[in-house]
N, C-alpha and C. Protein backbone atom coordinates (compact mmCIF):
# COMPACT_ATOMS: atom_id res chain seq x y z
N MET A 1 105.60 108.07 77.93
CA MET A 1 106.14 106.75 77.61
C MET A 1 105.01 105.74 77.63
N THR A 2 104.99 104.85 76.67
CA THR A 2 103.96 103.83 76.56
C THR A 2 104.18 102.75 77.61
N ASP A 3 103.11 102.35 78.28
CA ASP A 3 103.15 101.27 79.25
C ASP A 3 103.50 99.97 78.51
N SER A 4 104.37 99.13 79.11
CA SER A 4 104.79 97.92 78.41
C SER A 4 103.64 96.95 78.20
N ARG A 5 102.66 96.94 79.09
CA ARG A 5 101.48 96.07 78.88
C ARG A 5 100.70 96.52 77.66
N ASP A 6 100.53 97.84 77.50
CA ASP A 6 99.84 98.37 76.32
C ASP A 6 100.62 98.03 75.05
N LEU A 7 101.93 98.18 75.12
CA LEU A 7 102.77 97.88 73.98
C LEU A 7 102.65 96.41 73.59
N MET A 8 102.62 95.52 74.57
CA MET A 8 102.49 94.10 74.28
C MET A 8 101.13 93.79 73.65
N ARG A 9 100.08 94.42 74.14
CA ARG A 9 98.75 94.21 73.55
C ARG A 9 98.73 94.71 72.10
N GLN A 10 99.33 95.89 71.87
CA GLN A 10 99.41 96.43 70.50
C GLN A 10 100.16 95.46 69.60
N ALA A 11 101.27 94.92 70.09
CA ALA A 11 102.09 94.00 69.30
C ALA A 11 101.30 92.73 68.96
N GLU A 12 100.58 92.19 69.93
CA GLU A 12 99.77 91.00 69.69
C GLU A 12 98.72 91.27 68.62
N ARG A 13 98.02 92.41 68.73
CA ARG A 13 97.00 92.76 67.73
C ARG A 13 97.61 92.93 66.34
N GLN A 14 98.73 93.62 66.29
CA GLN A 14 99.37 93.87 65.01
C GLN A 14 99.82 92.56 64.36
N CYS A 15 100.41 91.67 65.11
CA CYS A 15 100.86 90.38 64.56
C CYS A 15 99.67 89.55 64.10
N ARG A 16 98.60 89.57 64.88
CA ARG A 16 97.38 88.83 64.50
C ARG A 16 96.82 89.39 63.18
N ARG A 17 96.74 90.72 63.07
CA ARG A 17 96.24 91.36 61.84
C ARG A 17 97.09 91.01 60.63
N ARG A 18 98.39 90.93 60.84
CA ARG A 18 99.31 90.65 59.73
C ARG A 18 99.45 89.16 59.46
N GLY A 19 98.92 88.34 60.35
CA GLY A 19 99.00 86.89 60.15
C GLY A 19 100.39 86.32 60.38
N VAL A 20 101.17 86.95 61.28
CA VAL A 20 102.51 86.45 61.61
C VAL A 20 102.51 85.89 63.03
N ARG A 21 103.41 84.96 63.27
CA ARG A 21 103.47 84.27 64.57
C ARG A 21 104.25 85.10 65.59
N PHE A 22 103.57 85.44 66.65
CA PHE A 22 104.20 86.17 67.76
C PHE A 22 104.47 85.13 68.85
N THR A 23 105.55 84.38 68.65
CA THR A 23 105.87 83.25 69.51
C THR A 23 106.22 83.70 70.93
N PRO A 24 106.19 82.78 71.88
CA PRO A 24 106.55 83.15 73.26
C PRO A 24 107.95 83.76 73.38
N ILE A 25 108.92 83.26 72.62
CA ILE A 25 110.28 83.83 72.68
C ILE A 25 110.26 85.26 72.14
N ARG A 26 109.58 85.49 71.04
CA ARG A 26 109.48 86.84 70.48
C ARG A 26 108.79 87.77 71.46
N GLN A 27 107.74 87.28 72.08
CA GLN A 27 107.02 88.08 73.08
C GLN A 27 107.94 88.43 74.24
N ARG A 28 108.70 87.44 74.72
CA ARG A 28 109.56 87.68 75.88
C ARG A 28 110.68 88.67 75.54
N VAL A 29 111.25 88.55 74.35
CA VAL A 29 112.30 89.48 73.94
C VAL A 29 111.73 90.90 73.88
N LEU A 30 110.56 91.05 73.27
CA LEU A 30 109.93 92.37 73.22
C LEU A 30 109.65 92.88 74.63
N GLN A 31 109.15 92.03 75.50
CA GLN A 31 108.85 92.43 76.88
C GLN A 31 110.11 92.92 77.59
N MET A 32 111.21 92.20 77.42
CA MET A 32 112.48 92.61 78.05
C MET A 32 112.94 93.97 77.54
N ILE A 33 112.82 94.18 76.24
CA ILE A 33 113.22 95.46 75.66
C ILE A 33 112.29 96.57 76.16
N ALA A 34 110.99 96.29 76.16
CA ALA A 34 110.01 97.30 76.59
C ALA A 34 110.17 97.68 78.06
N ASP A 35 110.63 96.74 78.86
CA ASP A 35 110.80 97.00 80.29
C ASP A 35 112.11 97.70 80.63
N THR A 36 112.93 97.97 79.61
CA THR A 36 114.23 98.62 79.81
C THR A 36 114.11 100.08 79.41
N ARG A 37 114.57 100.97 80.26
CA ARG A 37 114.43 102.41 80.01
C ARG A 37 115.14 102.86 78.74
N GLY A 38 116.35 102.42 78.53
CA GLY A 38 117.10 102.78 77.34
C GLY A 38 117.21 101.59 76.42
N GLY A 39 118.19 101.60 75.56
CA GLY A 39 118.38 100.47 74.65
C GLY A 39 118.97 99.27 75.37
N LEU A 40 118.72 98.11 74.80
CA LEU A 40 119.22 96.86 75.36
C LEU A 40 120.02 96.14 74.28
N LYS A 41 121.24 95.73 74.61
CA LYS A 41 122.11 95.05 73.64
C LYS A 41 121.70 93.59 73.51
N ALA A 42 122.01 93.01 72.36
CA ALA A 42 121.61 91.63 72.08
C ALA A 42 122.17 90.65 73.10
N TYR A 43 123.42 90.81 73.49
CA TYR A 43 124.00 89.85 74.44
C TYR A 43 123.45 90.05 75.85
N ASP A 44 123.02 91.24 76.18
CA ASP A 44 122.32 91.45 77.46
C ASP A 44 120.97 90.74 77.41
N LEU A 45 120.31 90.82 76.27
CA LEU A 45 119.06 90.09 76.08
C LEU A 45 119.29 88.59 76.24
N LEU A 46 120.35 88.11 75.60
CA LEU A 46 120.67 86.68 75.67
C LEU A 46 120.92 86.26 77.11
N ASP A 47 121.69 87.05 77.87
CA ASP A 47 121.95 86.71 79.27
C ASP A 47 120.66 86.62 80.07
N ARG A 48 119.77 87.57 79.86
CA ARG A 48 118.48 87.57 80.58
C ARG A 48 117.61 86.39 80.16
N LEU A 49 117.57 86.15 78.86
CA LEU A 49 116.74 85.07 78.33
C LEU A 49 117.25 83.71 78.78
N ALA A 50 118.57 83.56 78.87
CA ALA A 50 119.18 82.29 79.27
C ALA A 50 118.80 81.90 80.70
N THR A 51 118.49 82.88 81.54
CA THR A 51 118.07 82.54 82.91
C THR A 51 116.69 81.91 82.93
N GLU A 52 115.91 82.14 81.87
CA GLU A 52 114.55 81.60 81.77
C GLU A 52 114.46 80.40 80.84
N HIS A 53 115.31 80.41 79.80
CA HIS A 53 115.29 79.37 78.77
C HIS A 53 116.72 78.87 78.58
N ALA A 54 117.02 77.71 79.13
CA ALA A 54 118.39 77.18 79.07
C ALA A 54 118.89 77.02 77.65
N ALA A 55 117.98 76.79 76.71
CA ALA A 55 118.38 76.56 75.32
C ALA A 55 118.61 77.86 74.53
N ALA A 56 118.44 78.99 75.15
CA ALA A 56 118.61 80.27 74.44
C ALA A 56 120.05 80.43 73.97
N ARG A 57 120.20 80.73 72.70
CA ARG A 57 121.50 80.94 72.06
C ARG A 57 121.44 82.22 71.23
N PRO A 58 122.59 82.74 70.80
CA PRO A 58 122.56 83.97 70.00
C PRO A 58 121.61 83.93 68.81
N PRO A 59 121.58 82.85 68.01
CA PRO A 59 120.64 82.86 66.87
C PRO A 59 119.19 83.04 67.30
N THR A 60 118.83 82.51 68.46
CA THR A 60 117.47 82.66 68.97
C THR A 60 117.13 84.13 69.17
N VAL A 61 118.03 84.85 69.81
CA VAL A 61 117.82 86.27 70.08
C VAL A 61 117.84 87.07 68.79
N TYR A 62 118.80 86.81 67.91
CA TYR A 62 118.90 87.58 66.68
C TYR A 62 117.71 87.33 65.75
N ARG A 63 117.20 86.10 65.71
CA ARG A 63 116.00 85.83 64.90
C ARG A 63 114.79 86.58 65.47
N ALA A 64 114.66 86.58 66.80
CA ALA A 64 113.56 87.30 67.43
C ALA A 64 113.68 88.80 67.16
N LEU A 65 114.88 89.34 67.27
CA LEU A 65 115.09 90.76 67.01
C LEU A 65 114.78 91.11 65.55
N GLU A 66 115.21 90.27 64.63
CA GLU A 66 114.93 90.50 63.21
C GLU A 66 113.42 90.54 62.95
N PHE A 67 112.70 89.61 63.55
CA PHE A 67 111.25 89.59 63.42
C PHE A 67 110.63 90.86 63.98
N LEU A 68 111.05 91.25 65.18
CA LEU A 68 110.48 92.43 65.84
C LEU A 68 110.78 93.70 65.06
N ILE A 69 111.96 93.80 64.48
CA ILE A 69 112.31 94.95 63.64
C ILE A 69 111.45 94.95 62.38
N ASP A 70 111.35 93.79 61.73
CA ASP A 70 110.55 93.69 60.50
C ASP A 70 109.09 94.06 60.74
N GLN A 71 108.59 93.79 61.92
CA GLN A 71 107.19 94.11 62.25
C GLN A 71 107.03 95.54 62.77
N GLY A 72 108.14 96.27 62.90
CA GLY A 72 108.08 97.65 63.38
C GLY A 72 107.86 97.76 64.88
N LEU A 73 108.14 96.69 65.61
CA LEU A 73 107.92 96.67 67.06
C LEU A 73 109.15 97.12 67.83
N VAL A 74 110.30 97.05 67.19
CA VAL A 74 111.58 97.39 67.82
C VAL A 74 112.41 98.15 66.81
N HIS A 75 113.22 99.09 67.31
CA HIS A 75 114.18 99.81 66.47
C HIS A 75 115.59 99.48 66.96
N ARG A 76 116.51 99.43 66.02
CA ARG A 76 117.92 99.25 66.38
C ARG A 76 118.54 100.63 66.52
N ILE A 77 119.20 100.85 67.64
CA ILE A 77 119.95 102.09 67.85
C ILE A 77 121.34 101.82 67.31
N GLU A 78 121.60 102.32 66.12
CA GLU A 78 122.85 102.01 65.42
C GLU A 78 124.08 102.42 66.22
N SER A 79 124.06 103.61 66.78
CA SER A 79 125.25 104.13 67.46
C SER A 79 125.59 103.36 68.73
N LEU A 80 124.61 102.69 69.32
CA LEU A 80 124.84 101.94 70.56
C LEU A 80 124.80 100.43 70.34
N ASN A 81 124.47 100.02 69.13
CA ASN A 81 124.27 98.60 68.83
C ASN A 81 123.31 97.98 69.85
N ALA A 82 122.19 98.65 70.04
CA ALA A 82 121.20 98.23 71.03
C ALA A 82 119.81 98.35 70.40
N TYR A 83 118.81 97.89 71.14
CA TYR A 83 117.45 97.83 70.63
C TYR A 83 116.50 98.49 71.61
N VAL A 84 115.48 99.16 71.06
CA VAL A 84 114.50 99.87 71.88
C VAL A 84 113.12 99.56 71.30
N ALA A 85 112.13 99.45 72.18
CA ALA A 85 110.76 99.18 71.73
C ALA A 85 110.18 100.43 71.07
N CYS A 86 109.40 100.21 70.02
CA CYS A 86 108.73 101.30 69.34
C CYS A 86 107.42 101.59 70.06
N PRO A 87 107.21 102.83 70.51
CA PRO A 87 105.99 103.15 71.26
C PRO A 87 104.73 103.20 70.40
N CYS A 88 104.88 103.24 69.09
CA CYS A 88 103.70 103.29 68.22
C CYS A 88 103.94 102.44 66.97
N PRO A 89 103.92 101.12 67.14
CA PRO A 89 104.25 100.23 66.02
C PRO A 89 103.26 100.29 64.86
N GLU A 90 102.07 100.81 65.11
CA GLU A 90 101.08 100.89 64.03
C GLU A 90 101.40 101.99 63.03
N HIS A 91 102.34 102.86 63.35
CA HIS A 91 102.71 104.00 62.51
C HIS A 91 103.88 103.60 61.61
N ALA A 92 103.59 103.17 60.40
CA ALA A 92 104.64 102.77 59.45
C ALA A 92 105.28 104.03 58.88
N HIS A 93 106.53 104.28 59.25
CA HIS A 93 107.15 105.55 58.92
C HIS A 93 108.62 105.53 59.24
N GLY A 94 109.27 106.61 58.87
CA GLY A 94 110.61 106.85 59.35
C GLY A 94 110.51 107.46 60.74
N PHE A 95 111.58 107.45 61.45
CA PHE A 95 111.56 107.96 62.82
C PHE A 95 112.92 108.55 63.14
N GLN A 96 112.98 109.28 64.23
CA GLN A 96 114.22 109.84 64.73
C GLN A 96 114.30 109.46 66.21
N LEU A 97 115.52 109.26 66.70
CA LEU A 97 115.69 108.90 68.11
C LEU A 97 116.51 109.96 68.83
N LEU A 98 116.03 110.37 70.00
CA LEU A 98 116.78 111.23 70.91
C LEU A 98 117.38 110.30 71.97
N ILE A 99 118.69 110.35 72.16
CA ILE A 99 119.37 109.44 73.08
C ILE A 99 120.15 110.26 74.10
N CYS A 100 119.85 110.05 75.38
CA CYS A 100 120.61 110.75 76.43
C CYS A 100 121.93 110.02 76.65
N ARG A 101 123.01 110.76 76.51
CA ARG A 101 124.34 110.14 76.65
C ARG A 101 124.67 109.79 78.10
N ASP A 102 123.91 110.35 79.05
CA ASP A 102 124.20 110.08 80.46
C ASP A 102 123.39 108.91 81.01
N CYS A 103 122.06 108.96 80.87
CA CYS A 103 121.22 107.91 81.47
C CYS A 103 120.76 106.86 80.46
N GLY A 104 120.93 107.13 79.17
CA GLY A 104 120.54 106.17 78.15
C GLY A 104 119.08 106.24 77.73
N ARG A 105 118.33 107.17 78.29
CA ARG A 105 116.92 107.32 77.91
C ARG A 105 116.81 107.54 76.41
N VAL A 106 115.80 106.92 75.80
CA VAL A 106 115.59 107.04 74.37
C VAL A 106 114.15 107.49 74.14
N GLU A 107 113.99 108.53 73.34
CA GLU A 107 112.66 109.01 72.95
C GLU A 107 112.58 108.94 71.43
N GLU A 108 111.44 108.53 70.93
CA GLU A 108 111.22 108.42 69.50
C GLU A 108 110.42 109.62 69.01
N LEU A 109 110.88 110.21 67.90
CA LEU A 109 110.17 111.31 67.26
C LEU A 109 109.61 110.85 65.92
N HIS A 110 108.57 111.53 65.48
CA HIS A 110 107.96 111.23 64.19
C HIS A 110 107.81 112.53 63.40
N LEU A 111 108.91 113.01 62.90
CA LEU A 111 108.91 114.25 62.13
C LEU A 111 108.89 113.88 60.65
N ASP A 112 107.69 113.60 60.17
CA ASP A 112 107.53 113.10 58.81
C ASP A 112 108.03 114.08 57.75
N ASP A 113 107.97 115.40 58.05
CA ASP A 113 108.45 116.37 57.07
C ASP A 113 109.96 116.23 56.84
N ILE A 114 110.70 115.89 57.89
CA ILE A 114 112.14 115.67 57.74
C ILE A 114 112.38 114.47 56.85
N ASN A 115 111.64 113.39 57.09
CA ASN A 115 111.79 112.18 56.27
C ASN A 115 111.46 112.47 54.81
N ALA A 116 110.41 113.24 54.59
CA ALA A 116 110.00 113.58 53.23
C ALA A 116 111.07 114.41 52.53
N GLN A 117 111.64 115.38 53.25
CA GLN A 117 112.69 116.23 52.66
C GLN A 117 113.92 115.40 52.31
N LEU A 118 114.32 114.52 53.22
CA LEU A 118 115.48 113.68 52.96
C LEU A 118 115.23 112.75 51.77
N GLY A 119 114.05 112.15 51.73
CA GLY A 119 113.70 111.26 50.62
C GLY A 119 113.69 111.98 49.29
N ALA A 120 113.10 113.18 49.28
CA ALA A 120 113.03 113.97 48.04
C ALA A 120 114.43 114.35 47.55
N ARG A 121 115.26 114.79 48.48
CA ARG A 121 116.62 115.19 48.09
C ARG A 121 117.42 113.99 47.59
N ALA A 122 117.26 112.85 48.24
CA ALA A 122 117.95 111.64 47.79
C ALA A 122 117.52 111.26 46.38
N ARG A 123 116.21 111.35 46.09
CA ARG A 123 115.70 111.04 44.75
C ARG A 123 116.27 112.02 43.71
N GLU A 124 116.34 113.31 44.08
CA GLU A 124 116.92 114.31 43.18
C GLU A 124 118.35 113.96 42.81
N LEU A 125 119.06 113.36 43.74
CA LEU A 125 120.46 113.00 43.51
C LEU A 125 120.59 111.60 42.92
N GLY A 126 119.45 110.96 42.61
CA GLY A 126 119.47 109.63 42.02
C GLY A 126 119.82 108.53 43.00
N PHE A 127 119.57 108.77 44.26
CA PHE A 127 119.93 107.82 45.32
C PHE A 127 118.68 107.12 45.82
N ALA A 128 118.73 105.80 45.90
CA ALA A 128 117.61 105.02 46.42
C ALA A 128 117.89 104.65 47.87
N VAL A 129 117.19 105.29 48.79
CA VAL A 129 117.40 105.04 50.22
C VAL A 129 116.82 103.68 50.58
N GLN A 130 117.62 102.87 51.23
CA GLN A 130 117.16 101.55 51.68
C GLN A 130 116.86 101.52 53.16
N ARG A 131 117.57 102.32 53.91
CA ARG A 131 117.33 102.41 55.35
C ARG A 131 117.80 103.78 55.81
N GLN A 132 117.04 104.35 56.72
CA GLN A 132 117.37 105.67 57.24
C GLN A 132 117.47 105.58 58.76
N THR A 133 118.54 106.13 59.30
CA THR A 133 118.71 106.17 60.74
C THR A 133 119.09 107.59 61.14
N ILE A 134 118.26 108.20 61.98
CA ILE A 134 118.58 109.53 62.49
C ILE A 134 118.58 109.42 64.02
N GLU A 135 119.76 109.62 64.58
CA GLU A 135 119.92 109.55 66.03
C GLU A 135 120.54 110.85 66.51
N LEU A 136 119.94 111.45 67.51
CA LEU A 136 120.44 112.68 68.10
C LEU A 136 120.90 112.37 69.51
N LEU A 137 122.18 112.54 69.76
CA LEU A 137 122.77 112.24 71.07
C LEU A 137 122.91 113.54 71.85
N GLY A 138 122.46 113.52 73.09
CA GLY A 138 122.54 114.72 73.92
C GLY A 138 122.24 114.40 75.37
N GLN A 139 121.63 115.34 76.06
CA GLN A 139 121.28 115.19 77.47
C GLN A 139 119.81 115.46 77.67
N CYS A 140 119.16 114.57 78.41
CA CYS A 140 117.75 114.80 78.73
C CYS A 140 117.64 115.87 79.81
N ASP A 141 116.45 116.38 80.04
CA ASP A 141 116.22 117.42 81.05
C ASP A 141 116.71 116.99 82.43
N THR A 142 116.41 115.77 82.81
CA THR A 142 116.78 115.28 84.14
C THR A 142 118.28 115.29 84.33
N CYS A 143 119.01 114.74 83.38
CA CYS A 143 120.47 114.70 83.49
C CYS A 143 121.10 116.07 83.40
N ARG A 144 120.53 116.94 82.54
CA ARG A 144 121.06 118.30 82.41
C ARG A 144 120.85 119.06 83.71
N SER A 145 119.67 118.91 84.32
CA SER A 145 119.38 119.57 85.60
C SER A 145 120.30 119.07 86.70
N ALA A 146 120.55 117.77 86.71
CA ALA A 146 121.44 117.18 87.72
C ALA A 146 122.86 117.71 87.55
N ALA A 147 123.31 117.83 86.31
CA ALA A 147 124.65 118.33 86.05
C ALA A 147 124.79 119.80 86.44
N GLU A 148 123.72 120.58 86.19
CA GLU A 148 123.76 122.00 86.54
C GLU A 148 123.73 122.21 88.04
N ALA A 149 123.16 121.26 88.79
CA ALA A 149 123.04 121.38 90.24
C ALA A 149 124.37 121.12 90.95
N LEU A 150 125.33 120.53 90.23
CA LEU A 150 126.63 120.20 90.85
C LEU A 150 127.50 121.40 91.06
């Protein structure tokens, strides 16, 4: 797992290279997501942010999330309606997420051959893919071991 300090440094460098503003609110939202083991929902983010910034409102959080997603710094977990930090934002690609149904741990995979196969098959069928989400729900080793020990 990527250290959140490293992730924040990567994000700052990437935003600087791209010439986009990595505002304090955007930084704080990313930090909160990076410091959370599993996905974090937008309203949980808002609750946390409101303790630090009295003016924080839903549009503030959603604009920050939209920016972070557009920059490849955060992924939306569709099945949980939550957000997780991307451990390698410099890698512009499709990705797959492993999600533990018990503890909420999320791991990101980069199986480019799967993405290529899906893209090729979609093109063969005349389909233009606009967004791809692959989420695998299961049990991590820790939770599976704990369940077997019962």
